[in-house]
Amino acid sequence: MGYLLYGGREYEFEDRWLAHLKAAVGTKFRRHESFFMSWKVDPVDGSGRISLWMDPSQPIGFRFSGSKPPKLNKEWLQVLVELAGTHRGLIAVSEKDAAAYAEEQRALHASQAASV
């Protein structure tokens, strides 16, 4: 497990997810874009949700427990960046859920293109 360091707090995430989050946040911050980031709190930690306003002017850090960086899934990363640009913001979705979202978006675009 690794940690997102933001706003003087540490938030625990699995290393592979955290690596994708780091890349997505880096993409948004390089564009000087702010966004909300939200995730569900594990019931053992009290349940509920956390939402943070992520702003490039604020210091951010990523601390990984593993020494070897995981290979990034480009589709998962693209979904995280896309979600960050929506009104709901970047939602912490799993790799499997990101694949389903990407497939839904492809189907939606295909049906829109067919109706034109």
PDB file of N, CA and C in Angstrom:
ATOM      1  N   MET A   1       0.836  -1.183   0.000  1.00  0.00           N
ATOM      2  CA  MET A   1       0.000   0.000   0.000  1.00  0.00           C
ATOM      3  C   MET A   1       0.880   1.245   0.000  1.00  0.00           C
ATOM      4  N   GLY A   2       0.436   2.223  -0.758  1.00  0.00           N
ATOM      5  CA  GLY A   2       1.152   3.482  -0.833  1.00  0.00           C
ATOM      6  C   GLY A   2       0.275   4.610  -0.314  1.00  0.00           C
ATOM      7  N   TYR A   3       0.785   5.831  -0.419  1.00  0.00           N
ATOM      8  CA  TYR A   3       0.070   6.978   0.129  1.00  0.00           C
ATOM      9  C   TYR A   3       0.077   8.168  -0.822  1.00  0.00           C
ATOM     10  N   LEU A   4      -1.080   8.815  -0.925  1.00  0.00           N
ATOM     11  CA  LEU A   4      -1.217  10.118  -1.550  1.00  0.00           C
ATOM     12  C   LEU A   4      -1.013  11.125  -0.436  1.00  0.00           C
ATOM     13  N   LEU A   5      -0.073  12.052  -0.606  1.00  0.00           N
ATOM     14  CA  LEU A   5       0.208  13.074   0.391  1.00  0.00           C
ATOM     15  C   LEU A   5      -0.340  14.392  -0.150  1.00  0.00           C
ATOM     16  N   TYR A   6      -1.377  14.903   0.497  1.00  0.00           N
ATOM     17  CA  TYR A   6      -2.036  16.106  -0.016  1.00  0.00           C
ATOM     18  C   TYR A   6      -2.725  16.835   1.127  1.00  0.00           C
ATOM     19  N   GLY A   7      -2.574  18.140   1.164  1.00  0.00           N
ATOM     20  CA  GLY A   7      -3.239  18.946   2.182  1.00  0.00           C
ATOM     21  C   GLY A   7      -2.822  18.606   3.601  1.00  0.00           C
ATOM     22  N   GLY A   8      -1.582  18.181   3.763  1.00  0.00           N
ATOM     23  CA  GLY A   8      -1.085  17.856   5.095  1.00  0.00           C
ATOM     24  C   GLY A   8      -1.576  16.507   5.617  1.00  0.00           C
ATOM     25  N   ARG A   9      -2.208  15.706   4.757  1.00  0.00           N
ATOM     26  CA  ARG A   9      -2.718  14.391   5.177  1.00  0.00           C
ATOM     27  C   ARG A   9      -2.185  13.308   4.266  1.00  0.00           C
ATOM     28  N   GLU A  10      -2.276  12.081   4.742  1.00  0.00           N
ATOM     29  CA  GLU A  10      -1.908  10.910   3.952  1.00  0.00           C
ATOM     30  C   GLU A  10      -3.150  10.073   3.715  1.00  0.00           C
ATOM     31  N   TYR A  11      -3.338   9.644   2.463  1.00  0.00           N
ATOM     32  CA  TYR A  11      -4.471   8.806   2.092  1.00  0.00           C
ATOM     33  C   TYR A  11      -3.905   7.520   1.494  1.00  0.00           C
ATOM     34  N   GLU A  12      -4.323   6.391   2.033  1.00  0.00           N
ATOM     35  CA  GLU A  12      -3.761   5.105   1.636  1.00  0.00           C
ATOM     36  C   GLU A  12      -4.459   4.526   0.402  1.00  0.00           C
ATOM     37  N   PHE A  13      -3.657   4.078  -0.561  1.00  0.00           N
ATOM     38  CA  PHE A  13      -4.145   3.433  -1.781  1.00  0.00           C
ATOM     39  C   PHE A  13      -3.199   2.293  -2.141  1.00  0.00           C
ATOM     40  N   GLU A  14      -3.721   1.343  -2.863  1.00  0.00           N
ATOM     41  CA  GLU A  14      -2.914   0.252  -3.391  1.00  0.00           C
ATOM     42  C   GLU A  14      -1.920   0.843  -4.396  1.00  0.00           C
ATOM     43  N   ASP A  15      -0.687   0.339  -4.404  1.00  0.00           N
ATOM     44  CA  ASP A  15       0.387   0.913  -5.230  1.00  0.00           C
ATOM     45  C   ASP A  15       0.037   1.019  -6.716  1.00  0.00           C
ATOM     46  N   ARG A  16      -0.566  -0.003  -7.291  1.00  0.00           N
ATOM     47  CA  ARG A  16      -0.868   0.028  -8.730  1.00  0.00           C
ATOM     48  C   ARG A  16      -1.865   1.135  -9.032  1.00  0.00           C
ATOM     49  N   TRP A  17      -2.897   1.259  -8.187  1.00  0.00           N
ATOM     50  CA  TRP A  17      -3.880   2.325  -8.383  1.00  0.00           C
ATOM     51  C   TRP A  17      -3.205   3.683  -8.203  1.00  0.00           C
ATOM     52  N   LEU A  18      -2.370   3.785  -7.197  1.00  0.00           N
ATOM     53  CA  LEU A  18      -1.682   5.045  -6.905  1.00  0.00           C
ATOM     54  C   LEU A  18      -0.777   5.469  -8.066  1.00  0.00           C
ATOM     55  N   ALA A  19      -0.143   4.511  -8.733  1.00  0.00           N
ATOM     56  CA  ALA A  19       0.708   4.840  -9.885  1.00  0.00           C
ATOM     57  C   ALA A  19      -0.128   5.440 -11.012  1.00  0.00           C
ATOM     58  N   HIS A  20      -1.319   4.908 -11.234  1.00  0.00           N
ATOM     59  CA  HIS A  20      -2.210   5.454 -12.261  1.00  0.00           C
ATOM     60  C   HIS A  20      -2.732   6.829 -11.844  1.00  0.00           C
ATOM     61  N   LEU A  21      -3.041   6.992 -10.561  1.00  0.00           N
ATOM     62  CA  LEU A  21      -3.479   8.289 -10.052  1.00  0.00           C
ATOM     63  C   LEU A  21      -2.377   9.327 -10.247  1.00  0.00           C
ATOM     64  N   LYS A  22      -1.133   8.972  -9.935  1.00  0.00           N
ATOM     65  CA  LYS A  22      -0.007   9.892 -10.103  1.00  0.00           C
ATOM     66  C   LYS A  22       0.092  10.371 -11.548  1.00  0.00           C
ATOM     67  N   ALA A  23      -0.026   9.449 -12.493  1.00  0.00           N
ATOM     68  CA  ALA A  23       0.060   9.817 -13.908  1.00  0.00           C
ATOM     69  C   ALA A  23      -1.116  10.697 -14.322  1.00  0.00           C
ATOM     70  N   ALA A  24      -2.325  10.377 -13.846  1.00  0.00           N
ATOM     71  CA  ALA A  24      -3.511  11.170 -14.201  1.00  0.00           C
ATOM     72  C   ALA A  24      -3.419  12.577 -13.604  1.00  0.00           C
ATOM     73  N   VAL A  25      -3.042  12.665 -12.353  1.00  0.00           N
ATOM     74  CA  VAL A  25      -2.901  13.977 -11.701  1.00  0.00           C
ATOM     75  C   VAL A  25      -1.803  14.782 -12.399  1.00  0.00           C
ATOM     76  N   GLY A  26      -0.708  14.127 -12.722  1.00  0.00           N
ATOM     77  CA  GLY A  26       0.374  14.816 -13.433  1.00  0.00           C
ATOM     78  C   GLY A  26      -0.097  15.388 -14.760  1.00  0.00           C
ATOM     79  N   THR A  27      -0.910  14.619 -15.481  1.00  0.00           N
ATOM     80  CA  THR A  27      -1.457  15.094 -16.757  1.00  0.00           C
ATOM     81  C   THR A  27      -2.312  16.337 -16.549  1.00  0.00           C
ATOM     82  N   LYS A  28      -3.218  16.292 -15.578  1.00  0.00           N
ATOM     83  CA  LYS A  28      -4.101  17.432 -15.320  1.00  0.00           C
ATOM     84  C   LYS A  28      -3.307  18.655 -14.824  1.00  0.00           C
ATOM     85  N   PHE A  29      -2.366  18.432 -13.925  1.00  0.00           N
ATOM     86  CA  PHE A  29      -1.601  19.546 -13.364  1.00  0.00           C
ATOM     87  C   PHE A  29      -0.686  20.185 -14.412  1.00  0.00           C
ATOM     88  N   ARG A  30      -0.126  19.384 -15.339  1.00  0.00           N
ATOM     89  CA  ARG A  30       0.699  19.971 -16.409  1.00  0.00           C
ATOM     90  C   ARG A  30      -0.133  20.916 -17.264  1.00  0.00           C
ATOM     91  N   ARG A  31      -1.430  20.654 -17.355  1.00  0.00           N
ATOM     92  CA  ARG A  31      -2.345  21.515 -18.115  1.00  0.00           C
ATOM     93  C   ARG A  31      -2.875  22.666 -17.245  1.00  0.00           C
ATOM     94  N   HIS A  32      -2.418  22.732 -16.005  1.00  0.00           N
ATOM     95  CA  HIS A  32      -2.863  23.738 -15.033  1.00  0.00           C
ATOM     96  C   HIS A  32      -4.362  23.625 -14.770  1.00  0.00           C
ATOM     97  N   GLU A  33      -4.860  22.389 -14.689  1.00  0.00           N
ATOM     98  CA  GLU A  33      -6.285  22.135 -14.454  1.00  0.00           C
ATOM     99  C   GLU A  33      -6.510  21.607 -13.043  1.00  0.00           C
ATOM    100  N   SER A  34      -7.481  22.168 -12.372  1.00  0.00           N
ATOM    101  CA  SER A  34      -7.914  21.705 -11.062  1.00  0.00           C
ATOM    102  C   SER A  34      -9.127  20.793 -11.246  1.00  0.00           C
ATOM    103  N   PHE A  35      -9.395  19.948 -10.258  1.00  0.00           N
ATOM    104  CA  PHE A  35     -10.518  19.026 -10.357  1.00  0.00           C
ATOM    105  C   PHE A  35     -10.806  18.414  -8.987  1.00  0.00           C
ATOM    106  N   PHE A  36     -11.998  17.854  -8.848  1.00  0.00           N
ATOM    107  CA  PHE A  36     -12.319  17.070  -7.659  1.00  0.00           C
ATOM    108  C   PHE A  36     -11.828  15.649  -7.853  1.00  0.00           C
ATOM    109  N   MET A  37     -11.421  15.027  -6.771  1.00  0.00           N
ATOM    110  CA  MET A  37     -11.098  13.611  -6.747  1.00  0.00           C
ATOM    111  C   MET A  37     -11.885  13.001  -5.603  1.00  0.00           C
ATOM    112  N   SER A  38     -12.574  11.897  -5.866  1.00  0.00           N
ATOM    113  CA  SER A  38     -13.416  11.266  -4.849  1.00  0.00           C
ATOM    114  C   SER A  38     -13.209   9.765  -4.812  1.00  0.00           C
ATOM    115  N   TRP A  39     -13.371   9.203  -3.621  1.00  0.00           N
ATOM    116  CA  TRP A  39     -13.317   7.752  -3.466  1.00  0.00           C
ATOM    117  C   TRP A  39     -14.129   7.349  -2.249  1.00  0.00           C
ATOM    118  N   LYS A  40     -14.517   6.069  -2.242  1.00  0.00           N
ATOM    119  CA  LYS A  40     -15.262   5.509  -1.118  1.00  0.00           C
ATOM    120  C   LYS A  40     -14.280   5.096  -0.036  1.00  0.00           C
ATOM    121  N   VAL A  41     -14.695   5.301   1.206  1.00  0.00           N
ATOM    122  CA  VAL A  41     -13.890   4.888   2.348  1.00  0.00           C
ATOM    123  C   VAL A  41     -14.283   3.459   2.705  1.00  0.00           C
ATOM    124  N   ASP A  42     -13.291   2.614   2.918  1.00  0.00           N
ATOM    125  CA  ASP A  42     -13.524   1.230   3.288  1.00  0.00           C
ATOM    126  C   ASP A  42     -14.322   1.179   4.599  1.00  0.00           C
ATOM    127  N   PRO A  43     -15.325   0.306   4.679  1.00  0.00           N
ATOM    128  CA  PRO A  43     -16.128   0.213   5.912  1.00  0.00           C
ATOM    129  C   PRO A  43     -15.298  -0.012   7.180  1.00  0.00           C
ATOM    130  N   VAL A  44     -14.157  -0.699   7.077  1.00  0.00           N
ATOM    131  CA  VAL A  44     -13.320  -0.882   8.269  1.00  0.00           C
ATOM    132  C   VAL A  44     -12.712   0.436   8.748  1.00  0.00           C
ATOM    133  N   ASP A  45     -12.712   1.442   7.849  1.00  0.00           N
ATOM    134  CA  ASP A  45     -12.187   2.761   8.208  1.00  0.00           C
ATOM    135  C   ASP A  45     -13.301   3.772   8.477  1.00  0.00           C
ATOM    136  N   GLY A  46     -14.547   3.296   8.584  1.00  0.00           N
ATOM    137  CA  GLY A  46     -15.648   4.186   8.925  1.00  0.00           C
ATOM    138  C   GLY A  46     -16.645   4.422   7.819  1.00  0.00           C
ATOM    139  N   SER A  47     -16.400   3.934   6.632  1.00  0.00           N
ATOM    140  CA  SER A  47     -17.251   4.083   5.446  1.00  0.00           C
ATOM    141  C   SER A  47     -17.429   5.547   5.046  1.00  0.00           C
ATOM    142  N   GLY A  48     -18.298   5.790   4.072  1.00  0.00           N
ATOM    143  CA  GLY A  48     -18.520   7.143   3.563  1.00  0.00           C
ATOM    144  C   GLY A  48     -17.692   7.405   2.321  1.00  0.00           C
ATOM    145  N   ARG A  49     -17.509   8.691   2.010  1.00  0.00           N
ATOM    146  CA  ARG A  49     -16.737   9.121   0.844  1.00  0.00           C
ATOM    147  C   ARG A  49     -15.817  10.260   1.234  1.00  0.00           C
ATOM    148  N   ILE A  50     -14.758  10.395   0.469  1.00  0.00           N
ATOM    149  CA  ILE A  50     -13.855  11.538   0.618  1.00  0.00           C
ATOM    150  C   ILE A  50     -13.769  12.214  -0.742  1.00  0.00           C
ATOM    151  N   SER A  51     -13.840  13.525  -0.758  1.00  0.00           N
ATOM    152  CA  SER A  51     -13.625  14.310  -1.977  1.00  0.00           C
ATOM    153  C   SER A  51     -12.613  15.400  -1.661  1.00  0.00           C
ATOM    154  N   LEU A  52     -11.636  15.532  -2.546  1.00  0.00           N
ATOM    155  CA  LEU A  52     -10.601  16.561  -2.408  1.00  0.00           C
ATOM    156  C   LEU A  52     -10.613  17.454  -3.637  1.00  0.00           C
ATOM    157  N   TRP A  53     -10.408  18.741  -3.430  1.00  0.00           N
ATOM    158  CA  TRP A  53     -10.209  19.651  -4.555  1.00  0.00           C
ATOM    159  C   TRP A  53      -8.721  19.620  -4.857  1.00  0.00           C
ATOM    160  N   MET A  54      -8.371  19.082  -6.011  1.00  0.00           N
ATOM    161  CA  MET A  54      -6.979  18.937  -6.413  1.00  0.00           C
ATOM    162  C   MET A  54      -6.591  20.155  -7.246  1.00  0.00           C
ATOM    163  N   ASP A  55      -5.579  20.869  -6.790  1.00  0.00           N
ATOM    164  CA  ASP A  55      -5.171  22.103  -7.442  1.00  0.00           C
ATOM    165  C   ASP A  55      -3.660  22.089  -7.653  1.00  0.00           C
ATOM    166  N   PRO A  56      -3.204  22.442  -8.861  1.00  0.00           N
ATOM    167  CA  PRO A  56      -1.769  22.386  -9.133  1.00  0.00           C
ATOM    168  C   PRO A  56      -0.924  23.330  -8.288  1.00  0.00           C
ATOM    169  N   SER A  57      -1.536  24.295  -7.639  1.00  0.00           N
ATOM    170  CA  SER A  57      -0.758  25.209  -6.802  1.00  0.00           C
ATOM    171  C   SER A  57      -0.453  24.616  -5.423  1.00  0.00           C
ATOM    172  N   GLN A  58      -1.036  23.458  -5.117  1.00  0.00           N
ATOM    173  CA  GLN A  58      -0.830  22.816  -3.820  1.00  0.00           C
ATOM    174  C   GLN A  58       0.217  21.708  -3.923  1.00  0.00           C
ATOM    175  N   PRO A  59       1.064  21.585  -2.907  1.00  0.00           N
ATOM    176  CA  PRO A  59       2.049  20.492  -2.928  1.00  0.00           C
ATOM    177  C   PRO A  59       1.351  19.132  -2.872  1.00  0.00           C
ATOM    178  N   ILE A  60       1.888  18.181  -3.608  1.00  0.00           N
ATOM    179  CA  ILE A  60       1.333  16.830  -3.641  1.00  0.00           C
ATOM    180  C   ILE A  60       2.492  15.845  -3.659  1.00  0.00           C
ATOM    181  N   GLY A  61       2.273  14.691  -3.055  1.00  0.00           N
ATOM    182  CA  GLY A  61       3.308  13.661  -3.052  1.00  0.00           C
ATOM    183  C   GLY A  61       2.689  12.286  -3.166  1.00  0.00           C
ATOM    184  N   PHE A  62       3.491  11.346  -3.607  1.00  0.00           N
ATOM    185  CA  PHE A  62       3.072   9.958  -3.755  1.00  0.00           C
ATOM    186  C   PHE A  62       4.163   9.091  -3.145  1.00  0.00           C
ATOM    187  N   ARG A  63       3.817   8.293  -2.163  1.00  0.00           N
ATOM    188  CA  ARG A  63       4.791   7.407  -1.510  1.00  0.00           C
ATOM    189  C   ARG A  63       4.346   5.970  -1.740  1.00  0.00           C
ATOM    190  N   PHE A  64       5.193   5.216  -2.397  1.00  0.00           N
ATOM    191  CA  PHE A  64       4.881   3.837  -2.750  1.00  0.00           C
ATOM    192  C   PHE A  64       5.588   2.875  -1.812  1.00  0.00           C
ATOM    193  N   SER A  65       4.930   1.754  -1.528  1.00  0.00           N
ATOM    194  CA  SER A  65       5.568   0.755  -0.670  1.00  0.00           C
ATOM    195  C   SER A  65       6.498  -0.137  -1.476  1.00  0.00           C
ATOM    196  N   GLY A  66       6.166  -0.377  -2.733  1.00  0.00           N
ATOM    197  CA  GLY A  66       7.010  -1.206  -3.589  1.00  0.00           C
ATOM    198  C   GLY A  66       8.128  -0.403  -4.221  1.00  0.00           C
ATOM    199  N   SER A  67       9.218  -1.072  -4.545  1.00  0.00           N
ATOM    200  CA  SER A  67      10.360  -0.369  -5.134  1.00  0.00           C
ATOM    201  C   SER A  67      10.303  -0.369  -6.654  1.00  0.00           C
ATOM    202  N   LYS A  68       9.467  -1.220  -7.247  1.00  0.00           N
ATOM    203  CA  LYS A  68       9.398  -1.338  -8.700  1.00  0.00           C
ATOM    204  C   LYS A  68       8.096  -0.720  -9.195  1.00  0.00           C
ATOM    205  N   PRO A  69       8.170   0.290 -10.099  1.00  0.00           N
ATOM    206  CA  PRO A  69       6.935   0.906 -10.601  1.00  0.00           C
ATOM    207  C   PRO A  69       6.145  -0.079 -11.463  1.00  0.00           C
ATOM    208  N   PRO A  70       4.826  -0.123 -11.280  1.00  0.00           N
ATOM    209  CA  PRO A  70       4.007  -1.025 -12.093  1.00  0.00           C
ATOM    210  C   PRO A  70       3.867  -0.506 -13.521  1.00  0.00           C
ATOM    211  N   LYS A  71       3.605  -1.412 -14.447  1.00  0.00           N
ATOM    212  CA  LYS A  71       3.333  -1.038 -15.828  1.00  0.00           C
ATOM    213  C   LYS A  71       1.956  -0.376 -15.860  1.00  0.00           C
ATOM    214  N   LEU A  72       1.871   0.768 -16.526  1.00  0.00           N
ATOM    215  CA  LEU A  72       0.604   1.499 -16.568  1.00  0.00           C
ATOM    216  C   LEU A  72      -0.299   0.973 -17.687  1.00  0.00           C
ATOM    217  N   ASN A  73      -1.582   0.898 -17.387  1.00  0.00           N
ATOM    218  CA  ASN A  73      -2.611   0.531 -18.344  1.00  0.00           C
ATOM    219  C   ASN A  73      -3.104   1.841 -18.956  1.00  0.00           C
ATOM    220  N   LYS A  74      -2.809   2.058 -20.246  1.00  0.00           N
ATOM    221  CA  LYS A  74      -3.140   3.333 -20.895  1.00  0.00           C
ATOM    222  C   LYS A  74      -4.636   3.613 -20.909  1.00  0.00           C
ATOM    223  N   GLU A  75      -5.444   2.578 -21.085  1.00  0.00           N
ATOM    224  CA  GLU A  75      -6.898   2.782 -21.102  1.00  0.00           C
ATOM    225  C   GLU A  75      -7.398   3.239 -19.727  1.00  0.00           C
ATOM    226  N   TRP A  76      -6.924   2.618 -18.667  1.00  0.00           N
ATOM    227  CA  TRP A  76      -7.303   2.987 -17.306  1.00  0.00           C
ATOM    228  C   TRP A  76      -6.884   4.435 -17.033  1.00  0.00           C
ATOM    229  N   LEU A  77      -5.672   4.763 -17.420  1.00  0.00           N
ATOM    230  CA  LEU A  77      -5.165   6.121 -17.226  1.00  0.00           C
ATOM    231  C   LEU A  77      -6.026   7.131 -17.978  1.00  0.00           C
ATOM    232  N   GLN A  78      -6.378   6.821 -19.228  1.00  0.00           N
ATOM    233  CA  GLN A  78      -7.210   7.724 -20.031  1.00  0.00           C
ATOM    234  C   GLN A  78      -8.571   7.939 -19.385  1.00  0.00           C
ATOM    235  N   VAL A  79      -9.152   6.872 -18.843  1.00  0.00           N
ATOM    236  CA  VAL A  79     -10.455   6.998 -18.173  1.00  0.00           C
ATOM    237  C   VAL A  79     -10.338   7.908 -16.954  1.00  0.00           C
ATOM    238  N   LEU A  80      -9.288   7.756 -16.165  1.00  0.00           N
ATOM    239  CA  LEU A  80      -9.108   8.615 -14.981  1.00  0.00           C
ATOM    240  C   LEU A  80      -8.986  10.084 -15.392  1.00  0.00           C
ATOM    241  N   VAL A  81      -8.222  10.360 -16.453  1.00  0.00           N
ATOM    242  CA  VAL A  81      -8.066  11.739 -16.923  1.00  0.00           C
ATOM    243  C   VAL A  81      -9.403  12.270 -17.439  1.00  0.00           C
ATOM    244  N   GLU A  82     -10.140  11.443 -18.196  1.00  0.00           N
ATOM    245  CA  GLU A  82     -11.460  11.866 -18.693  1.00  0.00           C
ATOM    246  C   GLU A  82     -12.404  12.179 -17.543  1.00  0.00           C
ATOM    247  N   LEU A  83     -12.449  11.285 -16.544  1.00  0.00           N
ATOM    248  CA  LEU A  83     -13.343  11.499 -15.405  1.00  0.00           C
ATOM    249  C   LEU A  83     -12.986  12.787 -14.666  1.00  0.00           C
ATOM    250  N   ALA A  84     -11.700  13.086 -14.561  1.00  0.00           N
ATOM    251  CA  ALA A  84     -11.273  14.305 -13.865  1.00  0.00           C
ATOM    252  C   ALA A  84     -11.829  15.551 -14.542  1.00  0.00           C
ATOM    253  N   GLY A  85     -12.108  15.454 -15.836  1.00  0.00           N
ATOM    254  CA  GLY A  85     -12.641  16.591 -16.570  1.00  0.00           C
ATOM    255  C   GLY A  85     -14.158  16.712 -16.534  1.00  0.00           C
ATOM    256  N   THR A  86     -14.829  15.817 -15.812  1.00  0.00           N
ATOM    257  CA  THR A  86     -16.285  15.874 -15.719  1.00  0.00           C
ATOM    258  C   THR A  86     -16.716  16.658 -14.488  1.00  0.00           C
ATOM    259  N   HIS A  87     -18.012  16.942 -14.397  1.00  0.00           N
ATOM    260  CA  HIS A  87     -18.535  17.680 -13.241  1.00  0.00           C
ATOM    261  C   HIS A  87     -18.381  16.890 -11.940  1.00  0.00           C
ATOM    262  N   ARG A  88     -18.332  15.567 -12.020  1.00  0.00           N
ATOM    263  CA  ARG A  88     -18.153  14.749 -10.813  1.00  0.00           C
ATOM    264  C   ARG A  88     -16.699  14.649 -10.399  1.00  0.00           C
ATOM    265  N   GLY A  89     -15.801  14.839 -11.353  1.00  0.00           N
ATOM    266  CA  GLY A  89     -14.381  14.765 -11.051  1.00  0.00           C
ATOM    267  C   GLY A  89     -13.828  13.364 -11.180  1.00  0.00           C
ATOM    268  N   LEU A  90     -12.573  13.210 -10.813  1.00  0.00           N
ATOM    269  CA  LEU A  90     -11.886  11.932 -10.897  1.00  0.00           C
ATOM    270  C   LEU A  90     -12.423  11.027  -9.800  1.00  0.00           C
ATOM    271  N   ILE A  91     -13.100   9.982 -10.209  1.00  0.00           N
ATOM    272  CA  ILE A  91     -13.637   9.000  -9.272  1.00  0.00           C
ATOM    273  C   ILE A  91     -12.657   7.835  -9.252  1.00  0.00           C
ATOM    274  N   ALA A  92     -12.334   7.355  -8.077  1.00  0.00           N
ATOM    275  CA  ALA A  92     -11.409   6.225  -7.952  1.00  0.00           C
ATOM    276  C   ALA A  92     -12.100   4.966  -8.449  1.00  0.00           C
ATOM    277  N   VAL A  93     -11.879   4.627  -9.723  1.00  0.00           N
ATOM    278  CA  VAL A  93     -12.466   3.442 -10.308  1.00  0.00           C
ATOM    279  C   VAL A  93     -11.398   2.366 -10.468  1.00  0.00           C
ATOM    280  N   SER A  94     -11.828   1.129 -10.384  1.00  0.00           N
ATOM    281  CA  SER A  94     -10.910   0.011 -10.562  1.00  0.00           C
ATOM    282  C   SER A  94     -10.539  -0.131 -12.037  1.00  0.00           C
ATOM    283  N   GLU A  95      -9.540  -0.925 -12.291  1.00  0.00           N
ATOM    284  CA  GLU A  95      -9.119  -1.183 -13.665  1.00  0.00           C
ATOM    285  C   GLU A  95     -10.268  -1.831 -14.448  1.00  0.00           C
ATOM    286  N   LYS A  96     -10.968  -2.750 -13.815  1.00  0.00           N
ATOM    287  CA  LYS A  96     -12.101  -3.431 -14.452  1.00  0.00           C
ATOM    288  C   LYS A  96     -13.228  -2.443 -14.763  1.00  0.00           C
ATOM    289  N   ASP A  97     -13.562  -1.576 -13.803  1.00  0.00           N
ATOM    290  CA  ASP A  97     -14.616  -0.583 -14.022  1.00  0.00           C
ATOM    291  C   ASP A  97     -14.214   0.429 -15.085  1.00  0.00           C
ATOM    292  N   ALA A  98     -12.929   0.758 -15.154  1.00  0.00           N
ATOM    293  CA  ALA A  98     -12.447   1.683 -16.184  1.00  0.00           C
ATOM    294  C   ALA A  98     -12.606   1.063 -17.567  1.00  0.00           C
ATOM    295  N   ALA A  99     -12.339  -0.234 -17.689  1.00  0.00           N
ATOM    296  CA  ALA A  99     -12.499  -0.916 -18.972  1.00  0.00           C
ATOM    297  C   ALA A  99     -13.964  -0.908 -19.392  1.00  0.00           C
ATOM    298  N   ALA A 100     -14.878  -1.128 -18.442  1.00  0.00           N
ATOM    299  CA  ALA A 100     -16.312  -1.100 -18.746  1.00  0.00           C
ATOM    300  C   ALA A 100     -16.740   0.305 -19.168  1.00  0.00           C
ATOM    301  N   TYR A 101     -16.240   1.325 -18.486  1.00  0.00           N
ATOM    302  CA  TYR A 101     -16.560   2.720 -18.822  1.00  0.00           C
ATOM    303  C   TYR A 101     -16.064   3.042 -20.233  1.00  0.00           C
ATOM    304  N   ALA A 102     -14.835   2.629 -20.544  1.00  0.00           N
ATOM    305  CA  ALA A 102     -14.267   2.896 -21.865  1.00  0.00           C
ATOM    306  C   ALA A 102     -15.095   2.215 -22.953  1.00  0.00           C
ATOM    307  N   GLU A 103     -15.542   0.999 -22.693  1.00  0.00           N
ATOM    308  CA  GLU A 103     -16.372   0.279 -23.663  1.00  0.00           C
ATOM    309  C   GLU A 103     -17.709   0.995 -23.858  1.00  0.00           C
ATOM    310  N   GLU A 104     -18.315   1.472 -22.774  1.00  0.00           N
ATOM    311  CA  GLU A 104     -19.571   2.234 -22.873  1.00  0.00           C
ATOM    312  C   GLU A 104     -19.378   3.490 -23.708  1.00  0.00           C
ATOM    313  N   GLN A 105     -18.261   4.178 -23.508  1.00  0.00           N
ATOM    314  CA  GLN A 105     -17.981   5.400 -24.263  1.00  0.00           C
ATOM    315  C   GLN A 105     -17.784   5.101 -25.747  1.00  0.00           C
ATOM    316  N   ARG A 106     -17.086   4.001 -26.060  1.00  0.00           N
ATOM    317  CA  ARG A 106     -16.902   3.619 -27.459  1.00  0.00           C
ATOM    318  C   ARG A 106     -18.251   3.304 -28.115  1.00  0.00           C
ATOM    319  N   ALA A 107     -19.114   2.580 -27.393  1.00  0.00           N
ATOM    320  CA  ALA A 107     -20.436   2.235 -27.932  1.00  0.00           C
ATOM    321  C   ALA A 107     -21.273   3.496 -28.139  1.00  0.00           C
ATOM    322  N   LEU A 108     -21.208   4.416 -27.195  1.00  0.00           N
ATOM    323  CA  LEU A 108     -21.957   5.677 -27.300  1.00  0.00           C
ATOM    324  C   LEU A 108     -21.490   6.471 -28.517  1.00  0.00           C
ATOM    325  N   HIS A 109     -20.181   6.595 -28.691  1.00  0.00           N
ATOM    326  CA  HIS A 109     -19.635   7.338 -29.833  1.00  0.00           C
ATOM    327  C   HIS A 109     -19.991   6.669 -31.156  1.00  0.00           C
ATOM    328  N   ALA A 110     -19.971   5.334 -31.169  1.00  0.00           N
ATOM    329  CA  ALA A 110     -20.319   4.600 -32.386  1.00  0.00           C
ATOM    330  C   ALA A 110     -21.782   4.818 -32.755  1.00  0.00           C
ATOM    331  N   SER A 111     -22.668   4.815 -31.749  1.00  0.00           N
ATOM    332  CA  SER A 111     -24.099   5.020 -32.039  1.00  0.00           C
ATOM    333  C   SER A 111     -24.357   6.464 -32.461  1.00  0.00           C
ATOM    334  N   GLN A 112     -23.625   7.414 -31.897  1.00  0.00           N
ATOM    335  CA  GLN A 112     -23.780   8.816 -32.302  1.00  0.00           C
ATOM    336  C   GLN A 112     -23.281   9.015 -33.713  1.00  0.00           C
ATOM    337  N   ALA A 113     -22.181   8.375 -34.066  1.00  0.00           N
ATOM    338  CA  ALA A 113     -21.630   8.506 -35.424  1.00  0.00           C
ATOM    339  C   ALA A 113     -22.574   7.866 -36.448  1.00  0.00           C
ATOM    340  N   ALA A 114     -23.220   6.769 -36.061  1.00  0.00           N
ATOM    341  CA  ALA A 114     -24.130   6.070 -36.968  1.00  0.00           C
ATOM    342  C   ALA A 114     -25.415   6.857 -37.205  1.00  0.00           C
ATOM    343  N   SER A 115     -25.795   7.681 -36.230  1.00  0.00           N
ATOM    344  CA  SER A 115     -27.048   8.431 -36.354  1.00  0.00           C
ATOM    345  C   SER A 115     -26.861   9.754 -37.102  1.00  0.00           C
ATOM    346  N   VAL A 116     -25.630  10.100 -37.437  1.00  0.00           N
ATOM    347  CA  VAL A 116     -25.368  11.364 -38.152  1.00  0.00           C
ATOM    348  C   VAL A 116     -25.511  11.183 -39.640  1.00  0.00           C
TER     349      VAL A 116
END
